[in-house]
């Protein structure tokens, strides 16, 4: 009880909102709730369900799989460390722990969670970009004369306007050599013989 209160006071002092559980069963009910904590500190030895079992359950639950778990225990043998990490803990600290070390490990967990969120945001942006690119892969009804694109409601739009709206492409206009010979040169010849002013 004293250890829990010291831990709660320290975490609160470091700016964290703390959900306290006195048993493994209570901890699991909190984790199964509507808004589970992303950073979880678990004691290995708890009544009802131990910390290692909770770790294993969390890693099987898609809602909890990304939570950062710090396992706190009096077990310091290498075999125990391996068992805790294998069960799904992200970090491990042995009792008696020093508060500065715990604070550093909690801060490392926060950084990892921040990086995960940043990565998830970037993946979301990339998925949206991919959807935008895929819209340009579909069948486009295009006029064989003026090259306009048909939109919904029989609305026709210039090709470069359509592409500008559906991509980040910018356009400049010019005349290619074949069009110069086929279209522009005859017009110049019609205005002045030989196309000279």
C-alpha atoms as a PDB file:
ATOM      1  CA  UNK A   1       0.000   0.000   0.000  1.00  0.00           C
ATOM      2  CA  UNK A   2       2.790   2.447   0.902  1.00  0.00           C
ATOM      3  CA  UNK A   3       4.655   1.594  -2.312  1.00  0.00           C
ATOM      4  CA  UNK A   4       1.505   2.243  -4.368  1.00  0.00           C
ATOM      5  CA  UNK A   5       0.971   5.615  -2.718  1.00  0.00           C
ATOM      6  CA  UNK A   6       4.602   6.653  -3.252  1.00  0.00           C
ATOM      7  CA  UNK A   7       4.374   5.628  -6.903  1.00  0.00           C
ATOM      8  CA  UNK A   8       1.054   7.436  -7.369  1.00  0.00           C
ATOM      9  CA  UNK A   9       2.429  10.622  -5.786  1.00  0.00           C
ATOM     10  CA  UNK A  10       5.552  10.504  -7.961  1.00  0.00           C
ATOM     11  CA  UNK A  11       3.624   9.958 -11.200  1.00  0.00           C
ATOM     12  CA  UNK A  12       1.112  12.669 -10.346  1.00  0.00           C
ATOM     13  CA  UNK A  13       3.974  15.017  -9.543  1.00  0.00           C
ATOM     14  CA  UNK A  14       5.461  14.306 -12.969  1.00  0.00           C
ATOM     15  CA  UNK A  15       2.216  15.406 -14.596  1.00  0.00           C
ATOM     16  CA  UNK A  16       0.504  12.063 -15.172  1.00  0.00           C
ATOM     17  CA  UNK A  17      -3.106  11.180 -14.526  1.00  0.00           C
ATOM     18  CA  UNK A  18      -3.013   7.945 -12.531  1.00  0.00           C
ATOM     19  CA  UNK A  19      -5.528   5.084 -12.543  1.00  0.00           C
ATOM     20  CA  UNK A  20      -4.636   2.975  -9.515  1.00  0.00           C
ATOM     21  CA  UNK A  21      -5.404  -0.744  -9.165  1.00  0.00           C
ATOM     22  CA  UNK A  22      -4.823  -2.867  -6.067  1.00  0.00           C
ATOM     23  CA  UNK A  23      -5.186  -6.271  -7.776  1.00  0.00           C
ATOM     24  CA  UNK A  24      -4.457  -7.751 -11.171  1.00  0.00           C
ATOM     25  CA  UNK A  25      -8.174  -8.260 -11.735  1.00  0.00           C
ATOM     26  CA  UNK A  26      -8.855  -4.585 -11.066  1.00  0.00           C
ATOM     27  CA  UNK A  27      -5.974  -3.598 -13.359  1.00  0.00           C
ATOM     28  CA  UNK A  28      -7.396  -5.765 -16.142  1.00  0.00           C
ATOM     29  CA  UNK A  29     -10.855  -4.193 -15.736  1.00  0.00           C
ATOM     30  CA  UNK A  30      -9.297  -0.731 -16.098  1.00  0.00           C
ATOM     31  CA  UNK A  31      -7.439  -1.839 -19.217  1.00  0.00           C
ATOM     32  CA  UNK A  32     -10.621  -3.295 -20.727  1.00  0.00           C
ATOM     33  CA  UNK A  33     -12.469  -0.022 -20.078  1.00  0.00           C
ATOM     34  CA  UNK A  34     -13.465   2.565 -22.647  1.00  0.00           C
ATOM     35  CA  UNK A  35     -10.296   4.673 -22.501  1.00  0.00           C
ATOM     36  CA  UNK A  36      -7.380   2.446 -21.423  1.00  0.00           C
ATOM     37  CA  UNK A  37      -4.100   4.086 -20.419  1.00  0.00           C
ATOM     38  CA  UNK A  38      -1.345   4.043 -23.031  1.00  0.00           C
ATOM     39  CA  UNK A  39       1.449   3.864 -20.453  1.00  0.00           C
ATOM     40  CA  UNK A  40       1.027   0.983 -17.992  1.00  0.00           C
ATOM     41  CA  UNK A  41       3.132   0.234 -14.916  1.00  0.00           C
ATOM     42  CA  UNK A  42       2.510  -3.301 -13.655  1.00  0.00           C
ATOM     43  CA  UNK A  43       3.771  -5.076 -10.586  1.00  0.00           C
ATOM     44  CA  UNK A  44       4.749  -8.663 -11.334  1.00  0.00           C
ATOM     45  CA  UNK A  45       3.243 -10.044  -8.121  1.00  0.00           C
ATOM     46  CA  UNK A  46      -0.420  -9.046  -7.795  1.00  0.00           C
ATOM     47  CA  UNK A  47      -3.446 -10.889  -6.389  1.00  0.00           C
ATOM     48  CA  UNK A  48      -5.843 -12.574  -8.877  1.00  0.00           C
ATOM     49  CA  UNK A  49      -3.779 -11.978 -12.056  1.00  0.00           C
ATOM     50  CA  UNK A  50      -0.044 -11.329 -12.067  1.00  0.00           C
ATOM     51  CA  UNK A  51       1.656  -8.677 -14.182  1.00  0.00           C
ATOM     52  CA  UNK A  52       3.169 -11.143 -16.637  1.00  0.00           C
ATOM     53  CA  UNK A  53      -0.263 -12.636 -17.414  1.00  0.00           C
ATOM     54  CA  UNK A  54      -1.713  -9.140 -17.917  1.00  0.00           C
ATOM     55  CA  UNK A  55       1.144  -8.356 -20.337  1.00  0.00           C
ATOM     56  CA  UNK A  56       0.376 -11.486 -22.327  1.00  0.00           C
ATOM     57  CA  UNK A  57      -3.340 -10.629 -22.459  1.00  0.00           C
ATOM     58  CA  UNK A  58      -2.611  -7.058 -23.548  1.00  0.00           C
ATOM     59  CA  UNK A  59      -0.492  -8.161 -26.474  1.00  0.00           C
ATOM     60  CA  UNK A  60      -3.348 -10.358 -27.747  1.00  0.00           C
ATOM     61  CA  UNK A  61      -5.881  -7.492 -27.560  1.00  0.00           C
ATOM     62  CA  UNK A  62      -5.663  -5.121 -30.583  1.00  0.00           C
ATOM     63  CA  UNK A  63      -6.884  -2.201 -28.450  1.00  0.00           C
ATOM     64  CA  UNK A  64      -4.074  -2.676 -25.923  1.00  0.00           C
ATOM     65  CA  UNK A  65      -1.283  -4.068 -28.081  1.00  0.00           C
ATOM     66  CA  UNK A  66       0.337  -0.640 -28.592  1.00  0.00           C
ATOM     67  CA  UNK A  67       0.360   0.318 -24.915  1.00  0.00           C
ATOM     68  CA  UNK A  68       3.782   0.745 -23.355  1.00  0.00           C
ATOM     69  CA  UNK A  69       4.229  -1.621 -20.398  1.00  0.00           C
ATOM     70  CA  UNK A  70       6.792  -1.137 -17.643  1.00  0.00           C
ATOM     71  CA  UNK A  71       7.019  -4.184 -15.380  1.00  0.00           C
ATOM     72  CA  UNK A  72       8.006  -3.505 -11.759  1.00  0.00           C
ATOM     73  CA  UNK A  73       9.212  -6.437  -9.684  1.00  0.00           C
ATOM     74  CA  UNK A  74      11.506  -7.653  -6.943  1.00  0.00           C
ATOM     75  CA  UNK A  75      12.631 -10.460  -9.285  1.00  0.00           C
ATOM     76  CA  UNK A  76      15.976  -9.493 -10.696  1.00  0.00           C
ATOM     77  CA  UNK A  77      17.340 -12.715 -12.188  1.00  0.00           C
ATOM     78  CA  UNK A  78      18.076 -12.684 -15.908  1.00  0.00           C
ATOM     79  CA  UNK A  79      15.536 -15.486 -16.395  1.00  0.00           C
ATOM     80  CA  UNK A  80      12.844 -13.286 -14.829  1.00  0.00           C
ATOM     81  CA  UNK A  81      13.773 -10.336 -17.023  1.00  0.00           C
ATOM     82  CA  UNK A  82      13.559 -12.563 -20.103  1.00  0.00           C
ATOM     83  CA  UNK A  83      10.199 -14.005 -18.969  1.00  0.00           C
ATOM     84  CA  UNK A  84       8.757 -10.523 -18.412  1.00  0.00           C
ATOM     85  CA  UNK A  85       9.941  -9.162 -21.747  1.00  0.00           C
ATOM     86  CA  UNK A  86       8.844 -12.310 -23.571  1.00  0.00           C
ATOM     87  CA  UNK A  87       5.363 -11.931 -22.098  1.00  0.00           C
ATOM     88  CA  UNK A  88       5.121  -8.491 -23.676  1.00  0.00           C
ATOM     89  CA  UNK A  89       6.632  -5.955 -21.279  1.00  0.00           C
ATOM     90  CA  UNK A  90       8.470  -3.107 -23.030  1.00  0.00           C
ATOM     91  CA  UNK A  91      10.674  -2.282 -20.072  1.00  0.00           C
ATOM     92  CA  UNK A  92      11.579  -3.718 -16.697  1.00  0.00           C
ATOM     93  CA  UNK A  93      12.645  -2.186 -13.386  1.00  0.00           C
ATOM     94  CA  UNK A  94      13.511  -4.028 -10.182  1.00  0.00           C
ATOM     95  CA  UNK A  95      12.624  -3.132  -6.629  1.00  0.00           C
ATOM     96  CA  UNK A  96      13.800  -1.264  -4.751  1.00  0.00           C
ATOM     97  CA  UNK A  97      13.893   1.258  -7.599  1.00  0.00           C
ATOM     98  CA  UNK A  98      15.168   4.806  -7.442  1.00  0.00           C
ATOM     99  CA  UNK A  99      12.637   7.452  -8.461  1.00  0.00           C
ATOM    100  CA  UNK A 100      15.034   9.213 -10.882  1.00  0.00           C
ATOM    101  CA  UNK A 101      15.533   5.933 -12.768  1.00  0.00           C
ATOM    102  CA  UNK A 102      11.788   5.276 -12.815  1.00  0.00           C
ATOM    103  CA  UNK A 103      11.164   8.786 -14.089  1.00  0.00           C
ATOM    104  CA  UNK A 104      13.694   8.270 -16.893  1.00  0.00           C
ATOM    105  CA  UNK A 105      12.057   4.970 -17.889  1.00  0.00           C
ATOM    106  CA  UNK A 106       8.586   6.546 -17.855  1.00  0.00           C
ATOM    107  CA  UNK A 107       9.904   9.424 -19.994  1.00  0.00           C
ATOM    108  CA  UNK A 108      11.393   6.894 -22.439  1.00  0.00           C
ATOM    109  CA  UNK A 109       7.989   5.198 -22.627  1.00  0.00           C
ATOM    110  CA  UNK A 110       6.346   8.546 -23.387  1.00  0.00           C
ATOM    111  CA  UNK A 111       8.839   9.195 -26.184  1.00  0.00           C
ATOM    112  CA  UNK A 112       8.145   5.782 -27.688  1.00  0.00           C
ATOM    113  CA  UNK A 113       4.387   6.376 -27.517  1.00  0.00           C
ATOM    114  CA  UNK A 114       4.873   9.787 -29.150  1.00  0.00           C
ATOM    115  CA  UNK A 115       6.884   8.245 -31.968  1.00  0.00           C
ATOM    116  CA  UNK A 116       4.225   5.554 -32.450  1.00  0.00           C
ATOM    117  CA  UNK A 117       1.517   8.215 -32.684  1.00  0.00           C
ATOM    118  CA  UNK A 118       3.584  10.278 -35.104  1.00  0.00           C
ATOM    119  CA  UNK A 119       4.157   7.192 -37.240  1.00  0.00           C
ATOM    120  CA  UNK A 120       0.445   6.318 -37.159  1.00  0.00           C
ATOM    121  CA  UNK A 121      -0.398   9.884 -38.255  1.00  0.00           C
ATOM    122  CA  UNK A 122       2.062   9.665 -41.141  1.00  0.00           C
ATOM    123  CA  UNK A 123       0.661   6.299 -42.220  1.00  0.00           C
ATOM    124  CA  UNK A 124      -2.817   7.857 -42.213  1.00  0.00           C
ATOM    125  CA  UNK A 125      -1.566  10.715 -44.397  1.00  0.00           C
ATOM    126  CA  UNK A 126       0.082   8.275 -46.793  1.00  0.00           C
ATOM    127  CA  UNK A 127      -3.109   6.217 -47.015  1.00  0.00           C
ATOM    128  CA  UNK A 128      -5.056   9.374 -47.894  1.00  0.00           C
ATOM    129  CA  UNK A 129      -2.452  10.280 -50.507  1.00  0.00           C
ATOM    130  CA  UNK A 130      -2.687   6.770 -51.953  1.00  0.00           C
ATOM    131  CA  UNK A 131      -6.454   7.112 -52.198  1.00  0.00           C
ATOM    132  CA  UNK A 132      -5.991  10.394 -54.081  1.00  0.00           C
ATOM    133  CA  UNK A 133      -3.555   8.745 -56.474  1.00  0.00           C
ATOM    134  CA  UNK A 134      -5.937   5.848 -57.013  1.00  0.00           C
ATOM    135  CA  UNK A 135      -8.666   8.267 -58.110  1.00  0.00           C
ATOM    136  CA  UNK A 136      -6.472   9.070 -61.110  1.00  0.00           C
ATOM    137  CA  UNK A 137      -6.269   5.403 -62.100  1.00  0.00           C
ATOM    138  CA  UNK A 138      -9.932   4.976 -62.928  1.00  0.00           C
ATOM    139  CA  UNK A 139     -11.589   5.311 -66.323  1.00  0.00           C
ATOM    140  CA  UNK A 140     -11.714   8.973 -67.377  1.00  0.00           C
ATOM    141  CA  UNK A 141     -14.256   9.938 -70.045  1.00  0.00           C
ATOM    142  CA  UNK A 142     -12.339  12.346 -72.259  1.00  0.00           C
ATOM    143  CA  UNK A 143     -13.476  14.159 -75.401  1.00  0.00           C
ATOM    144  CA  UNK A 144     -11.488  12.949 -78.406  1.00  0.00           C
ATOM    145  CA  UNK A 145     -11.516  16.465 -79.923  1.00  0.00           C
ATOM    146  CA  UNK A 146     -11.022  19.014 -77.161  1.00  0.00           C
ATOM    147  CA  UNK A 147      -9.589  16.598 -74.536  1.00  0.00           C
ATOM    148  CA  UNK A 148     -11.935  17.830 -71.785  1.00  0.00           C
ATOM    149  CA  UNK A 149     -12.852  15.432 -68.963  1.00  0.00           C
ATOM    150  CA  UNK A 150     -16.515  14.644 -68.239  1.00  0.00           C
ATOM    151  CA  UNK A 151     -17.420  15.089 -64.562  1.00  0.00           C
ATOM    152  CA  UNK A 152     -20.651  14.236 -62.732  1.00  0.00           C
ATOM    153  CA  UNK A 153     -23.824  15.763 -64.138  1.00  0.00           C
ATOM    154  CA  UNK A 154     -22.483  16.015 -67.684  1.00  0.00           C
ATOM    155  CA  UNK A 155     -20.115  18.813 -66.659  1.00  0.00           C
ATOM    156  CA  UNK A 156     -16.979  19.006 -68.805  1.00  0.00           C
ATOM    157  CA  UNK A 157     -13.698  20.268 -67.444  1.00  0.00           C
ATOM    158  CA  UNK A 158     -10.343  21.024 -69.043  1.00  0.00           C
ATOM    159  CA  UNK A 159      -7.818  18.225 -68.587  1.00  0.00           C
ATOM    160  CA  UNK A 160      -5.236  20.430 -66.872  1.00  0.00           C
ATOM    161  CA  UNK A 161      -7.858  21.782 -64.452  1.00  0.00           C
ATOM    162  CA  UNK A 162      -8.939  18.250 -63.553  1.00  0.00           C
ATOM    163  CA  UNK A 163      -5.363  17.086 -62.990  1.00  0.00           C
ATOM    164  CA  UNK A 164      -4.566  20.193 -60.912  1.00  0.00           C
ATOM    165  CA  UNK A 165      -7.504  19.424 -58.615  1.00  0.00           C
ATOM    166  CA  UNK A 166      -6.579  15.739 -58.229  1.00  0.00           C
ATOM    167  CA  UNK A 167      -2.812  16.052 -57.937  1.00  0.00           C
ATOM    168  CA  UNK A 168      -0.108  18.540 -57.054  1.00  0.00           C
ATOM    169  CA  UNK A 169       0.908  18.988 -60.690  1.00  0.00           C
ATOM    170  CA  UNK A 170       1.242  22.502 -62.109  1.00  0.00           C
ATOM    171  CA  UNK A 171       1.038  23.267 -65.793  1.00  0.00           C
ATOM    172  CA  UNK A 172       2.731  25.602 -68.223  1.00  0.00           C
ATOM    173  CA  UNK A 173       1.636  25.839 -71.840  1.00  0.00           C
ATOM    174  CA  UNK A 174       3.676  25.581 -74.995  1.00  0.00           C
ATOM    175  CA  UNK A 175       3.471  24.131 -78.503  1.00  0.00           C
ATOM    176  CA  UNK A 176       5.111  20.846 -79.406  1.00  0.00           C
ATOM    177  CA  UNK A 177       6.921  20.608 -82.799  1.00  0.00           C
ATOM    178  CA  UNK A 178       4.301  18.341 -84.471  1.00  0.00           C
ATOM    179  CA  UNK A 179       1.477  20.736 -83.476  1.00  0.00           C
ATOM    180  CA  UNK A 180       3.588  23.656 -84.668  1.00  0.00           C
ATOM    181  CA  UNK A 181       3.789  22.045 -88.121  1.00  0.00           C
ATOM    182  CA  UNK A 182       0.183  20.785 -88.190  1.00  0.00           C
ATOM    183  CA  UNK A 183      -1.731  23.712 -86.680  1.00  0.00           C
ATOM    184  CA  UNK A 184       0.325  26.863 -86.086  1.00  0.00           C
ATOM    185  CA  UNK A 185       2.343  26.956 -89.320  1.00  0.00           C
ATOM    186  CA  UNK A 186      -0.798  26.759 -91.553  1.00  0.00           C
ATOM    187  CA  UNK A 187      -2.378  29.615 -89.595  1.00  0.00           C
ATOM    188  CA  UNK A 188       0.750  31.730 -89.967  1.00  0.00           C
ATOM    189  CA  UNK A 189       0.901  30.877 -93.671  1.00  0.00           C
ATOM    190  CA  UNK A 190      -2.728  31.963 -94.056  1.00  0.00           C
ATOM    191  CA  UNK A 191      -1.976  35.327 -92.483  1.00  0.00           C
ATOM    192  CA  UNK A 192       1.300  36.001 -94.276  1.00  0.00           C
ATOM    193  CA  UNK A 193       2.782  33.995 -97.123  1.00  0.00           C
ATOM    194  CA  UNK A 194       5.648  31.830 -95.897  1.00  0.00           C
ATOM    195  CA  UNK A 195       4.665  32.543 -92.272  1.00  0.00           C
ATOM    196  CA  UNK A 196       6.827  35.689 -92.159  1.00  0.00           C
ATOM    197  CA  UNK A 197       5.445  38.963 -90.817  1.00  0.00           C
END
